[in-house]
């Protein structure tokens, strides 16, 4: 296996620290964007509750104000908190890693939705 050394800002290094064991996998996904879809990483059975909550919410054709106000349930937030704690301890199972990846993708989607909602309100 090849070794790669790069220089990055300290703040980025700190943010990457919990992911250091997964960096090769994440870089591979970055180079193969089709691998980033939730369907390729999490089966419908494994899909986090938060994902289902967002899908249900989106089927209601929410207004921009509704999108800005949307939050997942306290149960979904608690599950994410548990996964993040386990990730800091490098104690995630493979299934939990996929679940956390799905949460990260969902968070990205919600950021984009909320940004578009703000733009639509202007």
PDB file of N, CA and C in Angstrom:
ATOM      1  N   UNK A   1       0.848  -1.176   0.000  1.00  0.00           N
ATOM      2  CA  UNK A   1       0.000   0.000   0.000  1.00  0.00           C
ATOM      3  C   UNK A   1       0.889   1.234   0.000  1.00  0.00           C
ATOM      4  N   UNK A   2       0.487   2.232  -0.791  1.00  0.00           N
ATOM      5  CA  UNK A   2       1.255   3.469  -0.883  1.00  0.00           C
ATOM      6  C   UNK A   2       0.949   4.380   0.298  1.00  0.00           C
ATOM      7  N   UNK A   3       1.938   5.197   0.640  1.00  0.00           N
ATOM      8  CA  UNK A   3       1.752   6.171   1.707  1.00  0.00           C
ATOM      9  C   UNK A   3       1.736   7.546   1.081  1.00  0.00           C
ATOM     10  N   UNK A   4       0.788   8.391   1.527  1.00  0.00           N
ATOM     11  CA  UNK A   4       0.624   9.730   0.985  1.00  0.00           C
ATOM     12  C   UNK A   4       0.731  10.734   2.121  1.00  0.00           C
ATOM     13  N   UNK A   5       1.538  11.755   1.929  1.00  0.00           N
ATOM     14  CA  UNK A   5       1.692  12.799   2.928  1.00  0.00           C
ATOM     15  C   UNK A   5       1.222  14.109   2.317  1.00  0.00           C
ATOM     16  N   UNK A   6       0.320  14.806   3.015  1.00  0.00           N
ATOM     17  CA  UNK A   6      -0.157  16.088   2.525  1.00  0.00           C
ATOM     18  C   UNK A   6      -0.101  17.107   3.657  1.00  0.00           C
ATOM     19  N   UNK A   7      -0.038  18.370   3.288  1.00  0.00           N
ATOM     20  CA  UNK A   7      -0.073  19.442   4.272  1.00  0.00           C
ATOM     21  C   UNK A   7      -1.462  20.065   4.218  1.00  0.00           C
ATOM     22  N   UNK A   8      -2.094  20.165   5.386  1.00  0.00           N
ATOM     23  CA  UNK A   8      -3.421  20.754   5.483  1.00  0.00           C
ATOM     24  C   UNK A   8      -3.446  21.689   6.680  1.00  0.00           C
ATOM     25  N   UNK A   9      -4.381  22.635   6.696  1.00  0.00           N
ATOM     26  CA  UNK A   9      -4.478  23.543   7.844  1.00  0.00           C
ATOM     27  C   UNK A   9      -4.787  22.776   9.133  1.00  0.00           C
ATOM     28  N   UNK A  10      -4.342  23.319  10.244  1.00  0.00           N
ATOM     29  CA  UNK A  10      -4.532  22.661  11.537  1.00  0.00           C
ATOM     30  C   UNK A  10      -6.001  22.416  11.850  1.00  0.00           C
ATOM     31  N   UNK A  11      -6.864  23.388  11.515  1.00  0.00           N
ATOM     32  CA  UNK A  11      -8.283  23.214  11.825  1.00  0.00           C
ATOM     33  C   UNK A  11      -8.886  22.054  11.033  1.00  0.00           C
ATOM     34  N   UNK A  12      -8.469  21.884   9.791  1.00  0.00           N
ATOM     35  CA  UNK A  12      -8.945  20.755   8.997  1.00  0.00           C
ATOM     36  C   UNK A  12      -8.406  19.441   9.561  1.00  0.00           C
ATOM     37  N   UNK A  13      -7.165  19.431   9.963  1.00  0.00           N
ATOM     38  CA  UNK A  13      -6.575  18.226  10.557  1.00  0.00           C
ATOM     39  C   UNK A  13      -7.358  17.803  11.795  1.00  0.00           C
ATOM     40  N   UNK A  14      -7.765  18.781  12.586  1.00  0.00           N
ATOM     41  CA  UNK A  14      -8.541  18.482  13.799  1.00  0.00           C
ATOM     42  C   UNK A  14      -9.902  17.890  13.433  1.00  0.00           C
ATOM     43  N   UNK A  15     -10.527  18.436  12.394  1.00  0.00           N
ATOM     44  CA  UNK A  15     -11.833  17.925  11.965  1.00  0.00           C
ATOM     45  C   UNK A  15     -11.729  16.526  11.372  1.00  0.00           C
ATOM     46  N   UNK A  16     -10.587  16.212  10.771  1.00  0.00           N
ATOM     47  CA  UNK A  16     -10.399  14.898  10.148  1.00  0.00           C
ATOM     48  C   UNK A  16      -9.958  13.820  11.138  1.00  0.00           C
ATOM     49  N   UNK A  17      -9.507  14.243  12.297  1.00  0.00           N
ATOM     50  CA  UNK A  17      -8.976  13.292  13.280  1.00  0.00           C
ATOM     51  C   UNK A  17      -9.928  12.126  13.571  1.00  0.00           C
ATOM     52  N   UNK A  18     -11.244  12.366  13.806  1.00  0.00           N
ATOM     53  CA  UNK A  18     -12.135  11.224  14.087  1.00  0.00           C
ATOM     54  C   UNK A  18     -12.320  10.299  12.878  1.00  0.00           C
ATOM     55  N   UNK A  19     -11.978  10.792  11.698  1.00  0.00           N
ATOM     56  CA  UNK A  19     -12.168  10.004  10.470  1.00  0.00           C
ATOM     57  C   UNK A  19     -10.881   9.369   9.970  1.00  0.00           C
ATOM     58  N   UNK A  20      -9.791   9.503  10.710  1.00  0.00           N
ATOM     59  CA  UNK A  20      -8.491   9.101  10.181  1.00  0.00           C
ATOM     60  C   UNK A  20      -8.429   7.645   9.729  1.00  0.00           C
ATOM     61  N   UNK A  21      -9.156   6.753  10.396  1.00  0.00           N
ATOM     62  CA  UNK A  21      -9.131   5.345   9.988  1.00  0.00           C
ATOM     63  C   UNK A  21      -9.922   5.097   8.713  1.00  0.00           C
ATOM     64  N   UNK A  22     -10.767   6.055   8.342  1.00  0.00           N
ATOM     65  CA  UNK A  22     -11.616   5.884   7.168  1.00  0.00           C
ATOM     66  C   UNK A  22     -11.180   6.744   5.989  1.00  0.00           C
ATOM     67  N   UNK A  23     -10.105   7.484   6.111  1.00  0.00           N
ATOM     68  CA  UNK A  23      -9.704   8.396   5.042  1.00  0.00           C
ATOM     69  C   UNK A  23      -9.511   7.710   3.690  1.00  0.00           C
ATOM     70  N   UNK A  24      -8.868   6.550   3.611  1.00  0.00           N
ATOM     71  CA  UNK A  24      -8.748   5.911   2.289  1.00  0.00           C
ATOM     72  C   UNK A  24     -10.121   5.627   1.650  1.00  0.00           C
ATOM     73  N   UNK A  25     -11.045   5.138   2.440  1.00  0.00           N
ATOM     74  CA  UNK A  25     -12.392   4.855   1.931  1.00  0.00           C
ATOM     75  C   UNK A  25     -13.084   6.141   1.482  1.00  0.00           C
ATOM     76  N   UNK A  26     -12.982   7.188   2.287  1.00  0.00           N
ATOM     77  CA  UNK A  26     -13.638   8.451   1.954  1.00  0.00           C
ATOM     78  C   UNK A  26     -13.029   9.095   0.719  1.00  0.00           C
ATOM     79  N   UNK A  27     -11.715   9.015   0.577  1.00  0.00           N
ATOM     80  CA  UNK A  27     -11.071   9.533  -0.629  1.00  0.00           C
ATOM     81  C   UNK A  27     -11.513   8.754  -1.859  1.00  0.00           C
ATOM     82  N   UNK A  28     -11.656   7.459  -1.715  1.00  0.00           N
ATOM     83  CA  UNK A  28     -12.132   6.628  -2.817  1.00  0.00           C
ATOM     84  C   UNK A  28     -13.544   7.036  -3.221  1.00  0.00           C
ATOM     85  N   UNK A  29     -14.408   7.283  -2.238  1.00  0.00           N
ATOM     86  CA  UNK A  29     -15.774   7.713  -2.534  1.00  0.00           C
ATOM     87  C   UNK A  29     -15.775   9.072  -3.218  1.00  0.00           C
ATOM     88  N   UNK A  30     -14.888   9.944  -2.808  1.00  0.00           N
ATOM     89  CA  UNK A  30     -14.792  11.258  -3.414  1.00  0.00           C
ATOM     90  C   UNK A  30     -14.420  11.150  -4.899  1.00  0.00           C
ATOM     91  N   UNK A  31     -13.548  10.207  -5.211  1.00  0.00           N
ATOM     92  CA  UNK A  31     -13.118  10.020  -6.596  1.00  0.00           C
ATOM     93  C   UNK A  31     -14.145   9.257  -7.434  1.00  0.00           C
ATOM     94  N   UNK A  32     -15.066   8.569  -6.770  1.00  0.00           N
ATOM     95  CA  UNK A  32     -16.134   7.827  -7.449  1.00  0.00           C
ATOM     96  C   UNK A  32     -17.470   8.328  -6.914  1.00  0.00           C
ATOM     97  N   UNK A  33     -17.949   9.490  -7.389  1.00  0.00           N
ATOM     98  CA  UNK A  33     -19.138  10.104  -6.811  1.00  0.00           C
ATOM     99  C   UNK A  33     -20.380   9.210  -6.839  1.00  0.00           C
ATOM    100  N   UNK A  34     -20.448   8.265  -7.742  1.00  0.00           N
ATOM    101  CA  UNK A  34     -21.622   7.390  -7.757  1.00  0.00           C
ATOM    102  C   UNK A  34     -21.690   6.559  -6.493  1.00  0.00           C
ATOM    103  N   UNK A  35     -20.557   6.380  -5.801  1.00  0.00           N
ATOM    104  CA  UNK A  35     -20.540   5.623  -4.553  1.00  0.00           C
ATOM    105  C   UNK A  35     -21.087   6.428  -3.384  1.00  0.00           C
ATOM    106  N   UNK A  36     -21.378   7.722  -3.596  1.00  0.00           N
ATOM    107  CA  UNK A  36     -21.825   8.562  -2.499  1.00  0.00           C
ATOM    108  C   UNK A  36     -23.328   8.510  -2.267  1.00  0.00           C
ATOM    109  N   UNK A  37     -24.060   7.860  -3.142  1.00  0.00           N
ATOM    110  CA  UNK A  37     -25.511   7.840  -2.973  1.00  0.00           C
ATOM    111  C   UNK A  37     -25.893   7.009  -1.763  1.00  0.00           C
ATOM    112  N   UNK A  38     -26.919   7.456  -1.024  1.00  0.00           N
ATOM    113  CA  UNK A  38     -27.320   6.709   0.167  1.00  0.00           C
ATOM    114  C   UNK A  38     -27.687   5.268  -0.151  1.00  0.00           C
ATOM    115  N   UNK A  39     -28.283   5.032  -1.301  1.00  0.00           N
ATOM    116  CA  UNK A  39     -28.699   3.677  -1.651  1.00  0.00           C
ATOM    117  C   UNK A  39     -27.512   2.735  -1.767  1.00  0.00           C
ATOM    118  N   UNK A  40     -26.348   3.272  -2.135  1.00  0.00           N
ATOM    119  CA  UNK A  40     -25.188   2.398  -2.291  1.00  0.00           C
ATOM    120  C   UNK A  40     -24.518   2.087  -0.965  1.00  0.00           C
ATOM    121  N   UNK A  41     -24.795   2.884   0.061  1.00  0.00           N
ATOM    122  CA  UNK A  41     -24.127   2.665   1.336  1.00  0.00           C
ATOM    123  C   UNK A  41     -25.049   2.096   2.404  1.00  0.00           C
ATOM    124  N   UNK A  42     -26.355   2.330   2.276  1.00  0.00           N
ATOM    125  CA  UNK A  42     -27.297   1.883   3.290  1.00  0.00           C
ATOM    126  C   UNK A  42     -28.517   1.301   2.596  1.00  0.00           C
ATOM    127  N   UNK A  43     -28.894   0.092   2.961  1.00  0.00           N
ATOM    128  CA  UNK A  43     -30.103  -0.493   2.393  1.00  0.00           C
ATOM    129  C   UNK A  43     -31.313   0.173   3.028  1.00  0.00           C
ATOM    130  N   UNK A  44     -32.465   0.021   2.399  1.00  0.00           N
ATOM    131  CA  UNK A  44     -33.686   0.621   2.925  1.00  0.00           C
ATOM    132  C   UNK A  44     -33.954   0.146   4.337  1.00  0.00           C
ATOM    133  N   UNK A  45     -33.652  -1.106   4.604  1.00  0.00           N
ATOM    134  CA  UNK A  45     -33.845  -1.654   5.946  1.00  0.00           C
ATOM    135  C   UNK A  45     -32.943  -0.984   6.970  1.00  0.00           C
ATOM    136  N   UNK A  46     -31.742  -0.592   6.539  1.00  0.00           N
ATOM    137  CA  UNK A  46     -30.767   0.026   7.451  1.00  0.00           C
ATOM    138  C   UNK A  46     -30.891   1.545   7.497  1.00  0.00           C
ATOM    139  N   UNK A  47     -31.768   2.121   6.651  1.00  0.00           N
ATOM    140  CA  UNK A  47     -31.847   3.568   6.551  1.00  0.00           C
ATOM    141  C   UNK A  47     -32.204   4.176   7.911  1.00  0.00           C
ATOM    142  N   UNK A  48     -31.435   5.168   8.332  1.00  0.00           N
ATOM    143  CA  UNK A  48     -31.712   5.793   9.623  1.00  0.00           C
ATOM    144  C   UNK A  48     -33.109   6.398   9.676  1.00  0.00           C
ATOM    145  N   UNK A  49     -33.690   6.412  10.863  1.00  0.00           N
ATOM    146  CA  UNK A  49     -35.012   6.980  11.075  1.00  0.00           C
ATOM    147  C   UNK A  49     -35.062   8.423  10.573  1.00  0.00           C
ATOM    148  N   UNK A  50     -33.997   9.178  10.766  1.00  0.00           N
ATOM    149  CA  UNK A  50     -33.976  10.576  10.341  1.00  0.00           C
ATOM    150  C   UNK A  50     -34.184  10.688   8.834  1.00  0.00           C
ATOM    151  N   UNK A  51     -33.606   9.768   8.072  1.00  0.00           N
ATOM    152  CA  UNK A  51     -33.765   9.792   6.622  1.00  0.00           C
ATOM    153  C   UNK A  51     -35.232   9.623   6.269  1.00  0.00           C
ATOM    154  N   UNK A  52     -35.895   8.675   6.923  1.00  0.00           N
ATOM    155  CA  UNK A  52     -37.310   8.440   6.667  1.00  0.00           C
ATOM    156  C   UNK A  52     -38.144   9.647   7.082  1.00  0.00           C
ATOM    157  N   UNK A  53     -37.763  10.285   8.175  1.00  0.00           N
ATOM    158  CA  UNK A  53     -38.470  11.480   8.623  1.00  0.00           C
ATOM    159  C   UNK A  53     -38.360  12.595   7.588  1.00  0.00           C
ATOM    160  N   UNK A  54     -37.182  12.777   7.025  1.00  0.00           N
ATOM    161  CA  UNK A  54     -36.993  13.816   6.008  1.00  0.00           C
ATOM    162  C   UNK A  54     -37.782  13.471   4.752  1.00  0.00           C
ATOM    163  N   UNK A  55     -37.744  12.212   4.343  1.00  0.00           N
ATOM    164  CA  UNK A  55     -38.517  11.815   3.160  1.00  0.00           C
ATOM    165  C   UNK A  55     -40.007  12.073   3.368  1.00  0.00           C
ATOM    166  N   UNK A  56     -40.510  11.692   4.533  1.00  0.00           N
ATOM    167  CA  UNK A  56     -41.923  11.944   4.840  1.00  0.00           C
ATOM    168  C   UNK A  56     -42.227  13.442   4.826  1.00  0.00           C
ATOM    169  N   UNK A  57     -41.329  14.232   5.397  1.00  0.00           N
ATOM    170  CA  UNK A  57     -41.504  15.682   5.428  1.00  0.00           C
ATOM    171  C   UNK A  57     -41.546  16.249   4.009  1.00  0.00           C
ATOM    172  N   UNK A  58     -40.644  15.803   3.147  1.00  0.00           N
ATOM    173  CA  UNK A  58     -40.581  16.333   1.786  1.00  0.00           C
ATOM    174  C   UNK A  58     -41.814  15.976   0.958  1.00  0.00           C
ATOM    175  N   UNK A  59     -42.462  14.873   1.281  1.00  0.00           N
ATOM    176  CA  UNK A  59     -43.675  14.492   0.536  1.00  0.00           C
ATOM    177  C   UNK A  59     -44.851  15.417   0.853  1.00  0.00           C
ATOM    178  N   UNK A  60     -44.729  16.240   1.888  1.00  0.00           N
ATOM    179  CA  UNK A  60     -45.797  17.179   2.242  1.00  0.00           C
ATOM    180  C   UNK A  60     -45.706  18.476   1.438  1.00  0.00           C
ATOM    181  N   UNK A  61     -44.750  18.579   0.534  1.00  0.00           N
ATOM    182  CA  UNK A  61     -44.502  19.786  -0.253  1.00  0.00           C
ATOM    183  C   UNK A  61     -44.380  21.016   0.661  1.00  0.00           C
ATOM    184  N   UNK A  62     -43.367  21.004   1.515  1.00  0.00           N
ATOM    185  CA  UNK A  62     -43.223  22.076   2.510  1.00  0.00           C
ATOM    186  C   UNK A  62     -42.899  23.420   1.870  1.00  0.00           C
ATOM    187  N   UNK A  63     -43.318  24.469   2.540  1.00  0.00           N
ATOM    188  CA  UNK A  63     -42.986  25.831   2.117  1.00  0.00           C
ATOM    189  C   UNK A  63     -41.532  26.110   2.508  1.00  0.00           C
ATOM    190  N   UNK A  64     -40.940  27.173   1.964  1.00  0.00           N
ATOM    191  CA  UNK A  64     -39.583  27.539   2.399  1.00  0.00           C
ATOM    192  C   UNK A  64     -39.494  27.746   3.912  1.00  0.00           C
ATOM    193  N   UNK A  65     -40.542  28.326   4.509  1.00  0.00           N
ATOM    194  CA  UNK A  65     -40.544  28.539   5.957  1.00  0.00           C
ATOM    195  C   UNK A  65     -40.564  27.199   6.697  1.00  0.00           C
ATOM    196  N   UNK A  66     -41.343  26.241   6.173  1.00  0.00           N
ATOM    197  CA  UNK A  66     -41.399  24.914   6.781  1.00  0.00           C
ATOM    198  C   UNK A  66     -40.024  24.242   6.725  1.00  0.00           C
ATOM    199  N   UNK A  67     -39.350  24.400   5.590  1.00  0.00           N
ATOM    200  CA  UNK A  67     -38.028  23.786   5.421  1.00  0.00           C
ATOM    201  C   UNK A  67     -37.043  24.372   6.437  1.00  0.00           C
ATOM    202  N   UNK A  68     -37.075  25.688   6.594  1.00  0.00           N
ATOM    203  CA  UNK A  68     -36.164  26.330   7.542  1.00  0.00           C
ATOM    204  C   UNK A  68     -36.434  25.899   8.980  1.00  0.00           C
ATOM    205  N   UNK A  69     -37.684  25.623   9.290  1.00  0.00           N
ATOM    206  CA  UNK A  69     -38.048  25.255  10.663  1.00  0.00           C
ATOM    207  C   UNK A  69     -37.888  23.763  10.944  1.00  0.00           C
ATOM    208  N   UNK A  70     -37.681  22.961   9.905  1.00  0.00           N
ATOM    209  CA  UNK A  70     -37.670  21.506  10.079  1.00  0.00           C
ATOM    210  C   UNK A  70     -36.481  21.032  10.907  1.00  0.00           C
ATOM    211  N   UNK A  71     -36.778  20.104  11.807  1.00  0.00           N
ATOM    212  CA  UNK A  71     -35.749  19.385  12.569  1.00  0.00           C
ATOM    213  C   UNK A  71     -36.195  17.940  12.680  1.00  0.00           C
ATOM    214  N   UNK A  72     -35.239  17.036  12.709  1.00  0.00           N
ATOM    215  CA  UNK A  72     -35.590  15.635  12.914  1.00  0.00           C
ATOM    216  C   UNK A  72     -36.013  15.439  14.365  1.00  0.00           C
ATOM    217  N   UNK A  73     -36.606  14.303  14.640  1.00  0.00           N
ATOM    218  CA  UNK A  73     -37.125  14.012  15.973  1.00  0.00           C
ATOM    219  C   UNK A  73     -36.003  13.944  17.010  1.00  0.00           C
ATOM    220  N   UNK A  74     -36.364  14.125  18.270  1.00  0.00           N
ATOM    221  CA  UNK A  74     -35.365  13.969  19.335  1.00  0.00           C
ATOM    222  C   UNK A  74     -34.737  12.569  19.332  1.00  0.00           C
ATOM    223  N   UNK A  75     -35.497  11.546  18.951  1.00  0.00           N
ATOM    224  CA  UNK A  75     -34.948  10.183  18.892  1.00  0.00           C
ATOM    225  C   UNK A  75     -33.855  10.084  17.823  1.00  0.00           C
ATOM    226  N   UNK A  76     -34.095  10.700  16.672  1.00  0.00           N
ATOM    227  CA  UNK A  76     -33.086  10.681  15.610  1.00  0.00           C
ATOM    228  C   UNK A  76     -31.855  11.482  16.025  1.00  0.00           C
ATOM    229  N   UNK A  77     -32.078  12.597  16.697  1.00  0.00           N
ATOM    230  CA  UNK A  77     -30.952  13.405  17.176  1.00  0.00           C
ATOM    231  C   UNK A  77     -30.130  12.633  18.211  1.00  0.00           C
ATOM    232  N   UNK A  78     -30.812  11.897  19.075  1.00  0.00           N
ATOM    233  CA  UNK A  78     -30.111  11.095  20.089  1.00  0.00           C
ATOM    234  C   UNK A  78     -29.286   9.990  19.429  1.00  0.00           C
ATOM    235  N   UNK A  79     -29.869   9.352  18.400  1.00  0.00           N
ATOM    236  CA  UNK A  79     -29.131   8.291  17.697  1.00  0.00           C
ATOM    237  C   UNK A  79     -27.868   8.859  17.060  1.00  0.00           C
ATOM    238  N   UNK A  80     -27.980  10.026  16.456  1.00  0.00           N
ATOM    239  CA  UNK A  80     -26.808  10.663  15.860  1.00  0.00           C
ATOM    240  C   UNK A  80     -25.769  10.965  16.921  1.00  0.00           C
ATOM    241  N   UNK A  81     -26.204  11.446  18.055  1.00  0.00           N
ATOM    242  CA  UNK A  81     -25.281  11.741  19.156  1.00  0.00           C
ATOM    243  C   UNK A  81     -24.527  10.488  19.596  1.00  0.00           C
ATOM    244  N   UNK A  82     -25.234   9.377  19.688  1.00  0.00           N
ATOM    245  CA  UNK A  82     -24.606   8.103  20.066  1.00  0.00           C
ATOM    246  C   UNK A  82     -23.564   7.699  19.028  1.00  0.00           C
ATOM    247  N   UNK A  83     -23.936   7.802  17.751  1.00  0.00           N
ATOM    248  CA  UNK A  83     -23.004   7.427  16.684  1.00  0.00           C
ATOM    249  C   UNK A  83     -21.763   8.316  16.698  1.00  0.00           C
ATOM    250  N   UNK A  84     -21.952   9.604  16.916  1.00  0.00           N
ATOM    251  CA  UNK A  84     -20.806  10.523  16.951  1.00  0.00           C
ATOM    252  C   UNK A  84     -19.888  10.208  18.126  1.00  0.00           C
ATOM    253  N   UNK A  85     -20.468   9.867  19.264  1.00  0.00           N
ATOM    254  CA  UNK A  85     -19.651   9.500  20.428  1.00  0.00           C
ATOM    255  C   UNK A  85     -18.849   8.231  20.149  1.00  0.00           C
ATOM    256  N   UNK A  86     -19.505   7.236  19.573  1.00  0.00           N
ATOM    257  CA  UNK A  86     -18.804   5.994  19.251  1.00  0.00           C
ATOM    258  C   UNK A  86     -17.724   6.231  18.200  1.00  0.00           C
ATOM    259  N   UNK A  87     -18.003   7.152  17.262  1.00  0.00           N
ATOM    260  CA  UNK A  87     -17.026   7.457  16.226  1.00  0.00           C
ATOM    261  C   UNK A  87     -15.776   8.094  16.833  1.00  0.00           C
ATOM    262  N   UNK A  88     -15.943   8.964  17.821  1.00  0.00           N
ATOM    263  CA  UNK A  88     -14.793   9.594  18.480  1.00  0.00           C
ATOM    264  C   UNK A  88     -13.923   8.555  19.175  1.00  0.00           C
ATOM    265  N   UNK A  89     -14.551   7.477  19.613  1.00  0.00           N
ATOM    266  CA  UNK A  89     -13.826   6.403  20.294  1.00  0.00           C
ATOM    267  C   UNK A  89     -13.360   5.313  19.324  1.00  0.00           C
ATOM    268  N   UNK A  90     -13.565   5.547  18.025  1.00  0.00           N
ATOM    269  CA  UNK A  90     -13.244   4.541  17.005  1.00  0.00           C
ATOM    270  C   UNK A  90     -13.899   3.195  17.326  1.00  0.00           C
ATOM    271  N   UNK A  91     -15.164   3.238  17.759  1.00  0.00           N
ATOM    272  CA  UNK A  91     -15.854   2.027  18.197  1.00  0.00           C
ATOM    273  C   UNK A  91     -17.085   1.711  17.342  1.00  0.00           C
ATOM    274  N   UNK A  92     -17.175   2.290  16.148  1.00  0.00           N
ATOM    275  CA  UNK A  92     -18.322   2.023  15.283  1.00  0.00           C
ATOM    276  C   UNK A  92     -18.196   0.668  14.595  1.00  0.00           C
ATOM    277  N   UNK A  93     -19.318  -0.024  14.494  1.00  0.00           N
ATOM    278  CA  UNK A  93     -19.354  -1.233  13.676  1.00  0.00           C
ATOM    279  C   UNK A  93     -19.456  -0.803  12.210  1.00  0.00           C
ATOM    280  N   UNK A  94     -19.325  -1.744  11.304  1.00  0.00           N
ATOM    281  CA  UNK A  94     -19.442  -1.416   9.879  1.00  0.00           C
ATOM    282  C   UNK A  94     -20.832  -0.861   9.572  1.00  0.00           C
ATOM    283  N   UNK A  95     -21.863  -1.457  10.140  1.00  0.00           N
ATOM    284  CA  UNK A  95     -23.235  -0.983   9.917  1.00  0.00           C
ATOM    285  C   UNK A  95     -23.426   0.421  10.486  1.00  0.00           C
ATOM    286  N   UNK A  96     -22.845   0.684  11.649  1.00  0.00           N
ATOM    287  CA  UNK A  96     -22.951   2.014  12.252  1.00  0.00           C
ATOM    288  C   UNK A  96     -22.191   3.053  11.432  1.00  0.00           C
ATOM    289  N   UNK A  97     -21.089   2.638  10.830  1.00  0.00           N
ATOM    290  CA  UNK A  97     -20.337   3.542   9.962  1.00  0.00           C
ATOM    291  C   UNK A  97     -21.189   3.931   8.764  1.00  0.00           C
ATOM    292  N   UNK A  98     -21.869   2.955   8.164  1.00  0.00           N
ATOM    293  CA  UNK A  98     -22.762   3.255   7.036  1.00  0.00           C
ATOM    294  C   UNK A  98     -23.905   4.165   7.488  1.00  0.00           C
ATOM    295  N   UNK A  99     -24.419   3.915   8.679  1.00  0.00           N
ATOM    296  CA  UNK A  99     -25.508   4.733   9.210  1.00  0.00           C
ATOM    297  C   UNK A  99     -25.033   6.173   9.425  1.00  0.00           C
ATOM    298  N   UNK A 100     -23.848   6.338   9.985  1.00  0.00           N
ATOM    299  CA  UNK A 100     -23.307   7.678  10.192  1.00  0.00           C
ATOM    300  C   UNK A 100     -23.064   8.373   8.852  1.00  0.00           C
ATOM    301  N   UNK A 101     -22.592   7.633   7.867  1.00  0.00           N
ATOM    302  CA  UNK A 101     -22.413   8.196   6.523  1.00  0.00           C
ATOM    303  C   UNK A 101     -23.743   8.720   5.983  1.00  0.00           C
ATOM    304  N   UNK A 102     -24.808   7.955   6.195  1.00  0.00           N
ATOM    305  CA  UNK A 102     -26.133   8.374   5.732  1.00  0.00           C
ATOM    306  C   UNK A 102     -26.565   9.657   6.442  1.00  0.00           C
ATOM    307  N   UNK A 103     -26.280   9.758   7.746  1.00  0.00           N
ATOM    308  CA  UNK A 103     -26.598  10.986   8.474  1.00  0.00           C
ATOM    309  C   UNK A 103     -25.823  12.170   7.897  1.00  0.00           C
ATOM    310  N   UNK A 104     -24.567  11.954   7.560  1.00  0.00           N
ATOM    311  CA  UNK A 104     -23.753  13.032   6.994  1.00  0.00           C
ATOM    312  C   UNK A 104     -24.312  13.478   5.653  1.00  0.00           C
ATOM    313  N   UNK A 105     -24.738  12.518   4.830  1.00  0.00           N
ATOM    314  CA  UNK A 105     -25.330  12.856   3.542  1.00  0.00           C
ATOM    315  C   UNK A 105     -26.642  13.604   3.735  1.00  0.00           C
ATOM    316  N   UNK A 106     -27.420  13.166   4.704  1.00  0.00           N
ATOM    317  CA  UNK A 106     -28.683  13.823   5.001  1.00  0.00           C
ATOM    318  C   UNK A 106     -28.455  15.252   5.473  1.00  0.00           C
ATOM    319  N   UNK A 107     -27.456  15.444   6.314  1.00  0.00           N
ATOM    320  CA  UNK A 107     -27.142  16.790   6.793  1.00  0.00           C
ATOM    321  C   UNK A 107     -26.769  17.701   5.623  1.00  0.00           C
ATOM    322  N   UNK A 108     -25.981  17.179   4.697  1.00  0.00           N
ATOM    323  CA  UNK A 108     -25.591  17.960   3.518  1.00  0.00           C
ATOM    324  C   UNK A 108     -26.829  18.329   2.707  1.00  0.00           C
ATOM    325  N   UNK A 109     -27.715  17.378   2.504  1.00  0.00           N
ATOM    326  CA  UNK A 109     -28.946  17.632   1.762  1.00  0.00           C
ATOM    327  C   UNK A 109     -29.770  18.724   2.443  1.00  0.00           C
ATOM    328  N   UNK A 110     -29.910  18.646   3.758  1.00  0.00           N
ATOM    329  CA  UNK A 110     -30.712  19.631   4.482  1.00  0.00           C
ATOM    330  C   UNK A 110     -30.071  21.018   4.428  1.00  0.00           C
ATOM    331  N   UNK A 111     -28.764  21.088   4.464  1.00  0.00           N
ATOM    332  CA  UNK A 111     -28.085  22.386   4.333  1.00  0.00           C
ATOM    333  C   UNK A 111     -28.410  23.003   2.982  1.00  0.00           C
ATOM    334  N   UNK A 112     -28.352  22.181   1.934  1.00  0.00           N
ATOM    335  CA  UNK A 112     -28.668  22.680   0.592  1.00  0.00           C
ATOM    336  C   UNK A 112     -30.135  23.097   0.492  1.00  0.00           C
ATOM    337  N   UNK A 113     -31.032  22.291   1.036  1.00  0.00           N
ATOM    338  CA  UNK A 113     -32.458  22.635   1.011  1.00  0.00           C
ATOM    339  C   UNK A 113     -32.725  23.949   1.745  1.00  0.00           C
ATOM    340  N   UNK A 114     -32.126  24.109   2.895  1.00  0.00           N
ATOM    341  CA  UNK A 114     -32.344  25.316   3.679  1.00  0.00           C
ATOM    342  C   UNK A 114     -31.742  26.547   2.986  1.00  0.00           C
ATOM    343  N   UNK A 115     -30.616  26.381   2.335  1.00  0.00           N
ATOM    344  CA  UNK A 115     -30.015  27.491   1.587  1.00  0.00           C
ATOM    345  C   UNK A 115     -30.935  27.902   0.437  1.00  0.00           C
ATOM    346  N   UNK A 116     -31.500  26.933  -0.244  1.00  0.00           N
ATOM    347  CA  UNK A 116     -32.426  27.246  -1.347  1.00  0.00           C
ATOM    348  C   UNK A 116     -33.710  27.871  -0.818  1.00  0.00           C
ATOM    349  N   UNK A 117     -34.153  27.429   0.350  1.00  0.00           N
ATOM    350  CA  UNK A 117     -35.355  28.004   0.955  1.00  0.00           C
ATOM    351  C   UNK A 117     -35.126  29.478   1.285  1.00  0.00           C
ATOM    352  N   UNK A 118     -33.955  29.783   1.826  1.00  0.00           N
ATOM    353  CA  UNK A 118     -33.625  31.189   2.134  1.00  0.00           C
ATOM    354  C   UNK A 118     -33.628  32.009   0.848  1.00  0.00           C
ATOM    355  N   UNK A 119     -33.019  31.468  -0.198  1.00  0.00           N
ATOM    356  CA  UNK A 119     -32.967  32.190  -1.483  1.00  0.00           C
ATOM    357  C   UNK A 119     -34.370  32.396  -2.050  1.00  0.00           C
ATOM    358  N   UNK A 120     -35.248  31.419  -1.891  1.00  0.00           N
ATOM    359  CA  UNK A 120     -36.615  31.521  -2.406  1.00  0.00           C
ATOM    360  C   UNK A 120     -37.430  32.574  -1.658  1.00  0.00           C
ATOM    361  N   UNK A 121     -37.043  32.851  -0.431  1.00  0.00           N
ATOM    362  CA  UNK A 121     -37.786  33.817   0.376  1.00  0.00           C
ATOM    363  C   UNK A 121     -37.361  35.263   0.097  1.00  0.00           C
ATOM    364  N   UNK A 122     -36.273  35.447  -0.635  1.00  0.00           N
ATOM    365  CA  UNK A 122     -35.769  36.807  -0.907  1.00  0.00           C
ATOM    366  C   UNK A 122     -36.511  37.446  -2.053  1.00  0.00           C
TER     367      UNK A 122
END
